[in-house]
Structures are given as structure tokens and as C-alpha cells.
Amino acid sequence: MILTGRGVGLTIAGAALVAGGFGFGYPELAIVGTTSLIAVGCALVYGAWRPKLSVERAVEPDRVARGEGSTVTLTVHNDNRLLAASLIAEDRCAEVPVAVPVIRLRPRTESTTSYPVPTGRRGVVGIGPLRVTRRDPLGLIGLSRDHGGTAQVWVHPRVHLIRAVPAGISRSMDGRVDRVPHGSITFDTLREYVVGDELRHVHWRTSAKVGELMVREHLDTSLPRLVVLLDDRVGSYPDAAGAAPGAEIAPFEAVCEAAASIVAAAMREDLPISIHTVSGAEAATMGTRARSGARAHLDLLAEATLQPLTETTEAGANAALTQAANRLRQHRPGDTLIYLTGVGGLADLGLVGLLRGPFPTIAVGCLGPAAPDEPPTSGAAAGLLMLRAEDGLEFAAEWDGVRRW
């Protein structure tokens, strides 16, 4: 609760009039000053009353692709039994105030407001809380309170239709590529029996030792396990130099669209896939065993932002990529690596090429307009499958043009 400029002026004037009226013997001035102070006191009492409001917020849907529609439905209920509420309220959507009409809300009634969420940009849109502002009839005080919780809407990158990675070769469990017929099944692990498992998969010898039923888990090694490494270093995108914080960088948006398209293709074909960013964030699913994992992947892409370099030297610029490569080399989450970067990341392909040991197949997607000083990729990318495109749609065409991995 704060006094407005009018309230402060009236308080000072009222105190001066009371002091002058009693000091110089003018009772009329004292009466006027006392009336002013009483008005300020009444305003403070008015502001002490808090309306009983219940706020419910529903967002449908809370995850959308860029450009798709999402709607917020806000319901404000006056829980007071006797007094009506006449308030000025506004909700916040992506830091932009949205007016909510709560004028003359009678007791035990509610007001419902709906408004669209801006989904023109990839990212996470914060919604709420509802801020209610009250003023007394004379405008002497102002009071603002937040009601209700907050919500978020994940705006995923656009998805372009592409086909999954051709699975015409069989990869052994130690990472070597064996050209054997498609469809080989390999033992992976043992796990506890759950209702619905086939009894022919029960490993009776182990079950006898453990004392409970154990089931063999098999893995189709002909299916590639995809690993997407997303370059989120600001130095990999020349357009990001000098851009305002939070500004949309077209090449980086194209990289996110390419990653989202790969995720959609992998989910459609039930292929295991994991996404890692150079900065360290990751999300992984294993095909049909985690069908909802597509949400985790796309949420990660919605939250992805360019990370500034902590060092300005060339070695410092490569430090984050070196750490990411070491993580992939140690954990080996898959056998097919897809590295997505901008034009500035072409100079670091040597680090990616060193991963050819744990990853038999490595593809590099470079997105963004060609730069005049763009380094040649023939020597640095020896043994790497290069996909050069300016945007996500062109990347989809390049991807579908690959005949063999």
C-alpha cells in the first residue's frame, strides 16, 4: 500500500493547515486540515480491506509448435459473501500485461476471460500471476497484490517431415558396423518379470538363483541409436555477435528446427534417441519404452538458448565442445552422432571427428547462410557426412537426399 502523489500532497497540506490554524488562531484552517487528514485516514482504512478472490488459470494446450494456437482461460471468483469487488486487474503473458475485467464483481460470482498466447517465437512463455490494483474513490492510495499461481507454455520449434535414418546395416554392441541382414536381435539385459511378459523370455537359471522370475531383455541392433549434439555456443553463429540478449537468431532457430525434425522422425519409427547440448543439457528416450520422451526432447529444444563464451581465446571457445565430446566418449549413449551447428562451428569439426571411434556414423548439419570467409569442409570433415543448408526446410531436403549412412 502506497500513497499516490495526490495522497502525499493532501497529507502534507492537511498537517500544515492544522498546525497553522491552531498556531495562528484560525479554526477554519484547522477544520479544513482535519478534514483532509480524515480523508487520508479513510483511504487507508479502505485499502486495508482485502477482497477474497480465487483465481484459476487453464492453458490449453501448454505445448505447441511455433505458430500454433494456445489459449489461456482465467477465472476470477469473488468469495466474499456481502461485498462486491470493483478492481483493476491484469495478467502477465510473456512480460506483456493483459487487461482482465473485474468490474463490479458481485459476491459469490465469477468472471472468465480468455486470451491467446503469443507463439510466434520458440521458447518458454511465462504466464501470470494476476496482479490486482485497487484505489480509493479519491485516488489517494494505490495497492497492488498478486493472486493465483503461474503457468508456462512451451513453444517448440517447427517440425519438417523427414524420414528416419536408414537402418540397412547392423551395429554390434561394441560399436563396430557389421554388414549383416537387417533385423538381428541381441540380448541386452535381465530384468524382473512384470505382468504381460512372455514366459518364453524367462531366464529360468537366473530366476532359480535370485528367487524371482527374471526376463531376458532383447535389443534390435539393426536399429540405430541416434545421438543429437546441439551446438548452443554463441560463437558458432556469426549473426549472434552484437545481438541483444534474447533476440531471435535465425541460424540457431534453424538448428533447433533440424533437431526437432530428427526427434519427430525417430519417435515415428520408435528409434532410441537422445539430445545433448554443448552446454550440458540432455534428454533421452529408448523408443517405445518411453513414448512420452518426445515431450522431454522438444521441451529441451524450446528452452535452448545461446550460451556466451566464458573465455575469448580460441582454446576457450573450444573448451565447451571438448567437454561435450568427452562426455559422449565416456557414456556412449548411441552409435549414430548428428552434430548440428552454425557456420562458426565448422572450424571445430576436428573435435567432432575424433568421436569416430565410439560412433561409427557421424553426420554434421551446418545451418545458416554461407559466409564469405566460410572455411572449407572437405579436409576437416574427412569421413564425416556433411549436410549444408540455410534453414530447416532445406536441411530436411538434404537429409532425405542421403542414401546410405
Protein backbone atom coordinates (compact mmCIF):
# COMPACT_ATOMS: atom_id res chain seq x y z
CA MET A 1 0.00 0.00 0.00
CA ILE A 2 1.47 3.34 -1.06
CA LEU A 3 0.21 6.91 -1.08
CA THR A 4 -0.21 8.43 -4.50
CA GLY A 5 1.11 11.89 -5.31
CA ARG A 6 -2.30 13.29 -4.54
CA GLY A 7 -2.37 11.47 -1.21
CA VAL A 8 1.08 12.72 -0.21
CA GLY A 9 0.18 16.29 -1.13
CA LEU A 10 -3.10 16.15 0.75
CA THR A 11 -1.40 14.75 3.86
CA ILE A 12 1.26 17.48 3.88
CA ALA A 13 -1.27 20.22 3.19
CA GLY A 14 -3.65 18.92 5.86
CA ALA A 15 -0.89 18.79 8.50
CA ALA A 16 0.24 22.32 7.59
CA LEU A 17 -3.31 23.67 7.78
CA VAL A 18 -3.92 22.10 11.18
CA ALA A 19 -0.66 23.48 12.53
CA GLY A 20 -1.29 26.93 11.07
CA GLY A 21 -4.90 27.02 12.23
CA PHE A 22 -4.06 26.23 15.84
CA GLY A 23 -0.85 28.24 15.85
CA PHE A 24 -2.30 31.47 14.45
CA GLY A 25 -5.80 31.12 15.80
CA TYR A 26 -7.70 30.34 12.59
CA PRO A 27 -10.13 27.49 13.39
CA GLU A 28 -11.38 27.40 9.82
CA LEU A 29 -7.94 26.38 8.57
CA ALA A 30 -7.75 23.74 11.29
CA ILE A 31 -11.13 22.30 10.22
CA VAL A 32 -10.04 22.10 6.57
CA GLY A 33 -6.76 20.46 7.55
CA THR A 34 -8.51 17.99 9.85
CA THR A 35 -10.93 17.08 7.07
CA SER A 36 -8.00 16.40 4.74
CA LEU A 37 -6.32 14.12 7.25
CA ILE A 38 -9.59 12.29 7.89
CA ALA A 39 -9.91 11.69 4.12
CA VAL A 40 -6.41 10.18 4.05
CA GLY A 41 -7.27 8.01 7.07
CA CYS A 42 -10.45 6.76 5.39
CA ALA A 43 -8.43 5.89 2.30
CA LEU A 44 -6.01 3.86 4.44
CA VAL A 45 -8.91 2.01 6.04
CA TYR A 46 -10.36 1.34 2.58
CA GLY A 47 -7.03 -0.09 1.44
CA ALA A 48 -6.81 -2.36 4.48
CA TRP A 49 -9.80 -4.34 3.21
CA ARG A 50 -8.67 -7.24 1.07
CA PRO A 51 -11.06 -8.79 -1.41
CA LYS A 52 -11.35 -12.54 -1.22
CA LEU A 53 -10.54 -13.72 -4.71
CA SER A 54 -9.95 -17.19 -6.09
CA VAL A 55 -8.04 -17.35 -9.37
CA GLU A 56 -7.99 -20.38 -11.65
CA ARG A 57 -5.83 -20.45 -14.76
CA ALA A 58 -6.04 -23.07 -17.50
CA VAL A 59 -3.74 -23.21 -20.53
CA GLU A 60 -4.77 -25.35 -23.47
CA PRO A 61 -2.54 -26.66 -24.87
CA ASP A 62 0.58 -25.94 -22.83
CA ARG A 63 2.91 -27.32 -25.51
CA VAL A 64 2.60 -26.16 -29.10
CA ALA A 65 4.71 -25.90 -32.20
CA ARG A 66 5.81 -22.46 -33.28
CA GLY A 67 2.89 -20.57 -34.81
CA GLU A 68 0.19 -22.87 -33.45
CA GLY A 69 -2.58 -21.56 -31.21
CA SER A 70 -2.70 -21.70 -27.41
CA THR A 71 -5.31 -20.09 -25.19
CA VAL A 72 -5.30 -19.02 -21.54
CA THR A 73 -8.61 -19.14 -19.70
CA LEU A 74 -8.61 -17.11 -16.49
CA THR A 75 -11.44 -17.38 -13.98
CA VAL A 76 -11.68 -14.89 -11.09
CA HIS A 77 -14.18 -15.76 -8.35
CA ASN A 78 -15.34 -13.32 -5.63
CA ASP A 79 -15.51 -15.41 -2.46
CA ASN A 80 -16.89 -12.55 -0.34
CA ARG A 81 -20.44 -13.13 0.85
CA LEU A 82 -21.50 -9.49 1.18
CA LEU A 83 -19.27 -7.06 -0.69
CA ALA A 84 -18.82 -6.69 -4.42
CA ALA A 85 -15.35 -6.24 -5.88
CA SER A 86 -14.56 -3.46 -8.33
CA LEU A 87 -10.91 -3.88 -9.26
CA ILE A 88 -8.35 -3.19 -11.93
CA ALA A 89 -6.62 -6.45 -12.82
CA GLU A 90 -4.06 -7.51 -15.37
CA ASP A 91 -2.44 -10.83 -16.15
CA ARG A 92 1.09 -11.10 -17.46
CA CYS A 93 1.85 -13.10 -20.58
CA ALA A 94 5.45 -13.08 -21.81
CA GLU A 95 6.05 -9.96 -19.70
CA VAL A 96 3.21 -8.16 -21.51
CA PRO A 97 0.23 -7.01 -19.37
CA VAL A 98 -3.18 -8.31 -20.40
CA ALA A 99 -6.22 -6.45 -19.04
CA VAL A 100 -8.70 -8.62 -17.12
CA PRO A 101 -12.15 -7.10 -16.47
CA VAL A 102 -13.09 -7.44 -12.79
CA ILE A 103 -15.51 -4.52 -12.54
CA ARG A 104 -18.42 -4.79 -10.11
CA LEU A 105 -17.92 -8.47 -9.46
CA ARG A 106 -20.82 -9.33 -7.20
CA PRO A 107 -20.48 -11.65 -4.19
CA ARG A 108 -20.23 -15.35 -4.97
CA THR A 109 -19.93 -14.72 -8.71
CA GLU A 110 -17.06 -15.17 -11.14
CA SER A 111 -15.64 -13.56 -14.24
CA THR A 112 -13.99 -15.55 -17.04
CA THR A 113 -11.51 -14.11 -19.52
CA SER A 114 -9.70 -15.84 -22.38
CA TYR A 115 -6.80 -14.55 -24.44
CA PRO A 116 -4.31 -16.08 -26.90
CA VAL A 117 -0.69 -16.83 -26.08
CA PRO A 118 1.90 -15.38 -28.46
CA THR A 119 3.56 -18.38 -30.08
CA GLY A 120 5.40 -16.67 -32.91
CA ARG A 121 8.77 -17.35 -31.29
CA ARG A 122 10.31 -20.53 -29.96
CA GLY A 123 10.82 -20.54 -26.21
CA VAL A 124 9.04 -20.82 -22.88
CA VAL A 125 6.27 -18.27 -22.35
CA GLY A 126 5.67 -17.37 -18.70
CA ILE A 127 2.08 -16.57 -17.71
CA GLY A 128 0.89 -14.93 -14.52
CA PRO A 129 0.43 -14.11 -11.75
CA LEU A 130 -2.72 -11.98 -11.83
CA ARG A 131 -2.00 -8.53 -10.41
CA VAL A 132 -4.95 -6.74 -8.85
CA THR A 133 -4.68 -2.98 -8.32
CA ARG A 134 -7.05 -1.08 -6.04
CA ARG A 135 -7.51 2.63 -5.49
CA ASP A 136 -9.79 4.53 -3.19
CA PRO A 137 -12.52 6.75 -4.74
CA LEU A 138 -10.38 9.88 -4.25
CA GLY A 139 -7.22 8.31 -5.67
CA LEU A 140 -5.18 8.89 -2.51
CA ILE A 141 -3.68 5.41 -2.22
CA GLY A 142 -2.68 2.63 -4.58
CA LEU A 143 -2.46 -1.04 -3.69
CA SER A 144 -1.30 -3.97 -5.83
CA ARG A 145 -1.41 -7.65 -4.92
CA ASP A 146 -0.69 -10.84 -6.85
CA HIS A 147 -3.31 -13.57 -6.93
CA GLY A 148 -3.14 -17.10 -8.26
CA GLY A 149 -0.15 -19.04 -9.47
CA THR A 150 1.79 -19.03 -12.71
CA ALA A 151 1.86 -21.25 -15.78
CA GLN A 152 4.17 -21.88 -18.71
CA VAL A 153 3.69 -22.63 -22.38
CA TRP A 154 6.47 -24.43 -24.25
CA VAL A 155 6.67 -23.23 -27.85
CA HIS A 156 8.51 -25.99 -29.71
CA PRO A 157 10.45 -25.46 -32.94
CA ARG A 158 8.76 -26.16 -36.24
CA VAL A 159 8.99 -29.77 -37.37
CA HIS A 160 9.71 -30.61 -41.01
CA LEU A 161 8.76 -34.04 -42.26
CA ILE A 162 11.84 -36.19 -42.83
CA ARG A 163 12.43 -39.91 -42.98
CA ALA A 164 14.27 -41.75 -40.24
CA VAL A 165 17.89 -42.84 -40.58
CA PRO A 166 18.16 -45.79 -42.96
CA ALA A 167 18.62 -48.95 -40.88
CA GLY A 168 20.10 -51.25 -43.52
CA ILE A 169 23.18 -52.23 -41.51
CA SER A 170 23.52 -53.96 -38.18
CA ARG A 171 25.61 -52.42 -35.45
CA SER A 172 27.13 -54.72 -32.88
CA MET A 173 27.01 -53.85 -29.20
CA ASP A 174 30.66 -52.79 -29.11
CA GLY A 175 30.06 -50.13 -31.77
CA ARG A 176 31.52 -51.88 -34.82
CA VAL A 177 29.48 -51.96 -38.01
CA ASP A 178 28.63 -55.40 -39.36
CA ARG A 179 27.05 -55.68 -42.79
CA VAL A 180 24.62 -58.45 -41.95
CA PRO A 181 20.93 -58.78 -42.80
CA HIS A 182 18.56 -56.31 -41.19
CA GLY A 183 16.65 -57.39 -38.11
CA SER A 184 19.22 -59.11 -35.86
CA ILE A 185 18.17 -59.40 -32.21
CA THR A 186 20.76 -59.29 -29.43
CA PHE A 187 20.50 -59.98 -25.71
CA ASP A 188 20.72 -56.74 -23.75
CA THR A 189 19.96 -57.27 -20.05
CA LEU A 190 17.92 -59.11 -17.45
CA ARG A 191 15.06 -57.53 -15.55
CA GLU A 192 12.29 -58.55 -13.18
CA TYR A 193 9.17 -60.15 -14.60
CA VAL A 194 6.10 -57.92 -14.94
CA VAL A 195 2.57 -58.95 -15.81
CA GLY A 196 2.23 -59.30 -19.57
CA ASP A 197 5.76 -60.56 -20.31
CA GLU A 198 6.02 -63.72 -22.39
CA LEU A 199 7.04 -66.77 -20.36
CA ARG A 200 9.35 -67.93 -23.14
CA HIS A 201 11.61 -64.97 -22.32
CA VAL A 202 12.02 -66.04 -18.69
CA HIS A 203 15.63 -66.94 -17.82
CA TRP A 204 14.99 -69.91 -15.53
CA ARG A 205 18.56 -70.43 -14.34
CA THR A 206 18.89 -66.87 -13.08
CA SER A 207 15.34 -66.97 -11.69
CA ALA A 208 16.27 -70.02 -9.62
CA LYS A 209 19.34 -68.25 -8.20
CA VAL A 210 17.60 -64.96 -7.47
CA GLY A 211 14.37 -66.45 -6.19
CA GLU A 212 12.07 -64.47 -8.52
CA LEU A 213 11.27 -64.53 -12.18
CA MET A 214 13.84 -62.75 -14.39
CA VAL A 215 13.13 -61.93 -18.03
CA ARG A 216 15.61 -61.53 -20.90
CA GLU A 217 15.55 -58.08 -22.50
CA HIS A 218 16.50 -58.06 -26.18
CA LEU A 219 17.64 -55.22 -28.40
CA ASP A 220 17.33 -54.94 -32.16
CA THR A 221 20.88 -53.91 -33.04
CA SER A 222 19.94 -53.09 -36.61
CA LEU A 223 18.13 -50.01 -35.33
CA PRO A 224 20.50 -47.07 -34.97
CA ARG A 225 20.62 -45.33 -31.62
CA LEU A 226 20.65 -41.65 -32.51
CA VAL A 227 22.53 -39.01 -30.58
CA VAL A 228 21.95 -35.36 -31.49
CA LEU A 229 24.58 -32.88 -30.30
CA LEU A 230 23.21 -29.34 -30.48
CA ASP A 231 25.78 -26.56 -30.62
CA ASP A 232 24.49 -23.75 -28.40
CA ARG A 233 27.70 -21.71 -28.26
CA VAL A 234 27.16 -18.11 -29.27
CA GLY A 235 30.45 -18.12 -31.19
CA SER A 236 29.11 -20.71 -33.64
CA TYR A 237 26.58 -18.24 -35.04
CA PRO A 238 28.08 -15.07 -36.54
CA ASP A 239 24.67 -13.37 -36.57
CA ALA A 240 24.63 -13.52 -32.76
CA ALA A 241 27.56 -11.12 -32.45
CA GLY A 242 26.26 -7.83 -31.09
CA ALA A 243 22.64 -9.04 -30.93
CA ALA A 244 20.53 -8.02 -27.95
CA PRO A 245 20.03 -10.64 -25.22
CA GLY A 246 17.04 -12.83 -26.05
CA ALA A 247 16.99 -11.77 -29.69
CA GLU A 248 15.99 -14.37 -32.26
CA ILE A 249 19.00 -15.68 -34.21
CA ALA A 250 17.82 -17.25 -37.47
CA PRO A 251 20.63 -19.86 -37.87
CA PHE A 252 20.16 -21.08 -34.31
CA GLU A 253 16.40 -21.34 -34.84
CA ALA A 254 17.11 -23.40 -37.97
CA VAL A 255 19.36 -25.71 -35.93
CA CYS A 256 16.57 -26.21 -33.38
CA GLU A 257 14.11 -26.96 -36.19
CA ALA A 258 16.50 -29.55 -37.62
CA ALA A 259 16.84 -31.21 -34.21
CA ALA A 260 13.06 -31.23 -33.71
CA SER A 261 12.58 -32.81 -37.15
CA ILE A 262 15.04 -35.59 -36.29
CA VAL A 263 13.25 -36.20 -32.98
CA ALA A 264 9.88 -36.44 -34.71
CA ALA A 265 11.24 -38.92 -37.27
CA ALA A 266 12.85 -41.05 -34.57
CA MET A 267 9.67 -41.12 -32.47
CA ARG A 268 7.64 -42.05 -35.51
CA GLU A 269 9.89 -45.05 -36.16
CA ASP A 270 10.38 -45.95 -32.46
CA LEU A 271 14.12 -45.35 -32.67
CA PRO A 272 16.08 -44.68 -29.47
CA ILE A 273 17.31 -41.09 -29.46
CA SER A 274 18.99 -38.67 -27.09
CA ILE A 275 19.66 -34.95 -27.41
CA HIS A 276 22.66 -33.26 -25.83
CA THR A 277 23.65 -29.62 -25.93
CA VAL A 278 27.24 -28.49 -25.87
CA SER A 279 26.47 -26.59 -22.65
CA GLY A 280 25.47 -29.83 -20.91
CA ALA A 281 21.67 -30.22 -21.03
CA GLU A 282 20.36 -33.55 -22.26
CA ALA A 283 17.22 -35.62 -22.76
CA ALA A 284 16.96 -39.28 -23.76
CA THR A 285 14.36 -41.89 -24.65
CA MET A 286 14.55 -45.51 -25.65
CA GLY A 287 11.90 -45.91 -28.31
CA THR A 288 8.59 -47.46 -27.29
CA ARG A 289 9.62 -47.85 -23.66
CA ALA A 290 9.38 -44.06 -23.19
CA ARG A 291 6.89 -42.85 -25.73
CA SER A 292 6.32 -39.61 -23.83
CA GLY A 293 10.01 -38.80 -24.19
CA ALA A 294 9.32 -36.72 -27.30
CA ARG A 295 7.94 -34.09 -24.95
CA ALA A 296 11.20 -34.01 -22.99
CA HIS A 297 13.23 -33.60 -26.19
CA LEU A 298 11.05 -30.83 -27.58
CA ASP A 299 10.90 -29.08 -24.21
CA LEU A 300 14.69 -29.05 -24.14
CA LEU A 301 14.73 -27.52 -27.62
CA ALA A 302 12.19 -24.90 -26.55
CA GLU A 303 14.34 -23.95 -23.56
CA ALA A 304 17.62 -23.91 -25.51
CA THR A 305 19.38 -20.54 -25.62
CA LEU A 306 22.76 -19.44 -26.87
CA GLN A 307 25.38 -19.64 -24.16
CA PRO A 308 28.06 -16.93 -24.02
CA LEU A 309 31.72 -17.90 -24.10
CA THR A 310 33.48 -17.64 -20.76
CA GLU A 311 36.85 -17.15 -22.47
CA THR A 312 37.75 -15.23 -25.58
CA THR A 313 40.74 -17.29 -26.66
CA GLU A 314 40.47 -19.95 -29.32
CA ALA A 315 41.18 -22.64 -26.74
CA GLY A 316 38.45 -21.24 -24.51
CA ALA A 317 36.00 -21.23 -27.41
CA ASN A 318 36.61 -24.93 -27.91
CA ALA A 319 36.56 -25.80 -24.22
CA ALA A 320 32.80 -26.40 -24.03
CA LEU A 321 32.82 -28.57 -27.16
CA THR A 322 35.79 -30.54 -25.82
CA GLN A 323 33.92 -31.26 -22.59
CA ALA A 324 30.81 -32.30 -24.53
CA ALA A 325 32.88 -34.65 -26.71
CA ASN A 326 34.46 -36.19 -23.62
CA ARG A 327 31.04 -36.79 -22.09
CA LEU A 328 29.83 -38.55 -25.23
CA ARG A 329 33.01 -40.60 -25.47
CA GLN A 330 32.70 -41.80 -21.88
CA HIS A 331 28.97 -42.57 -21.78
CA ARG A 332 28.39 -43.60 -25.44
CA PRO A 333 24.61 -43.06 -25.46
CA GLY A 334 24.28 -44.27 -29.07
CA ASP A 335 26.03 -45.24 -32.28
CA THR A 336 24.93 -42.55 -34.77
CA LEU A 337 26.01 -39.00 -33.91
CA ILE A 338 24.37 -35.99 -35.55
CA TYR A 339 26.16 -32.72 -34.81
CA LEU A 340 24.12 -29.59 -35.56
CA THR A 341 25.93 -26.26 -35.61
CA GLY A 342 26.22 -22.92 -37.36
CA VAL A 343 28.80 -21.58 -39.78
CA GLY A 344 31.10 -20.59 -36.93
CA GLY A 345 31.22 -24.17 -35.69
CA LEU A 346 32.83 -25.53 -38.88
CA ALA A 347 36.27 -24.66 -37.53
CA ASP A 348 35.78 -27.18 -34.69
CA LEU A 349 34.89 -30.23 -36.78
CA GLY A 350 38.23 -31.80 -35.91
CA LEU A 351 36.99 -32.33 -32.34
CA VAL A 352 33.85 -33.98 -33.63
CA GLY A 353 35.84 -36.19 -35.99
CA LEU A 354 37.72 -37.64 -33.02
CA LEU A 355 34.46 -39.31 -31.93
CA ARG A 356 34.54 -41.75 -34.87
CA GLY A 357 35.75 -44.46 -32.53
CA PRO A 358 32.69 -44.72 -30.28
CA PHE A 359 30.35 -43.53 -33.05
CA PRO A 360 30.66 -45.48 -36.34
CA THR A 361 28.44 -42.96 -38.13
CA ILE A 362 28.78 -39.20 -37.71
CA ALA A 363 26.74 -36.63 -39.63
CA VAL A 364 27.31 -32.89 -39.41
CA GLY A 365 24.49 -30.45 -40.13
CA CYS A 366 25.66 -26.88 -40.69
CA LEU A 367 22.82 -24.37 -40.97
CA GLY A 368 22.85 -20.71 -41.84
CA PRO A 369 23.71 -18.53 -44.82
CA ALA A 370 27.13 -19.10 -46.32
CA ALA A 371 29.74 -16.63 -45.12
CA PRO A 372 32.40 -15.17 -47.44
CA ASP A 373 35.16 -16.49 -45.17
CA GLU A 374 33.48 -19.84 -44.53
CA PRO A 375 36.23 -22.47 -44.08
CA PRO A 376 36.35 -25.41 -46.48
CA THR A 377 34.96 -28.61 -45.02
CA SER A 378 36.48 -31.22 -47.30
CA GLY A 379 39.66 -31.75 -45.30
CA ALA A 380 38.38 -31.11 -41.79
CA ALA A 381 35.29 -33.23 -42.33
CA ALA A 382 37.05 -36.26 -43.80
CA GLY A 383 34.93 -39.26 -43.01
CA LEU A 384 32.01 -37.15 -41.82
CA LEU A 385 28.71 -36.91 -43.63
CA MET A 386 28.14 -33.19 -44.33
CA LEU A 387 24.67 -31.68 -44.64
CA ARG A 388 24.85 -27.98 -45.59
CA ALA A 389 21.64 -25.96 -45.53
CA GLU A 390 20.48 -22.41 -44.92
CA ASP A 391 17.29 -23.19 -42.98
CA GLY A 392 15.31 -26.06 -41.50
CA LEU A 393 13.32 -26.78 -44.66
CA GLU A 394 16.46 -27.06 -46.78
CA PHE A 395 18.03 -29.28 -44.13
CA ALA A 396 15.05 -31.65 -44.42
CA ALA A 397 15.64 -31.91 -48.17
CA GLU A 398 19.36 -32.56 -47.66
CA TRP A 399 18.60 -35.18 -45.03
CA ASP A 400 16.18 -37.07 -47.28
CA GLY A 401 18.78 -36.99 -50.05
CA VAL A 402 21.19 -39.17 -48.06
CA ARG A 403 21.13 -42.71 -49.45
CA ARG A 404 23.35 -44.52 -47.01
CA TRP A 405 24.76 -43.78 -43.59
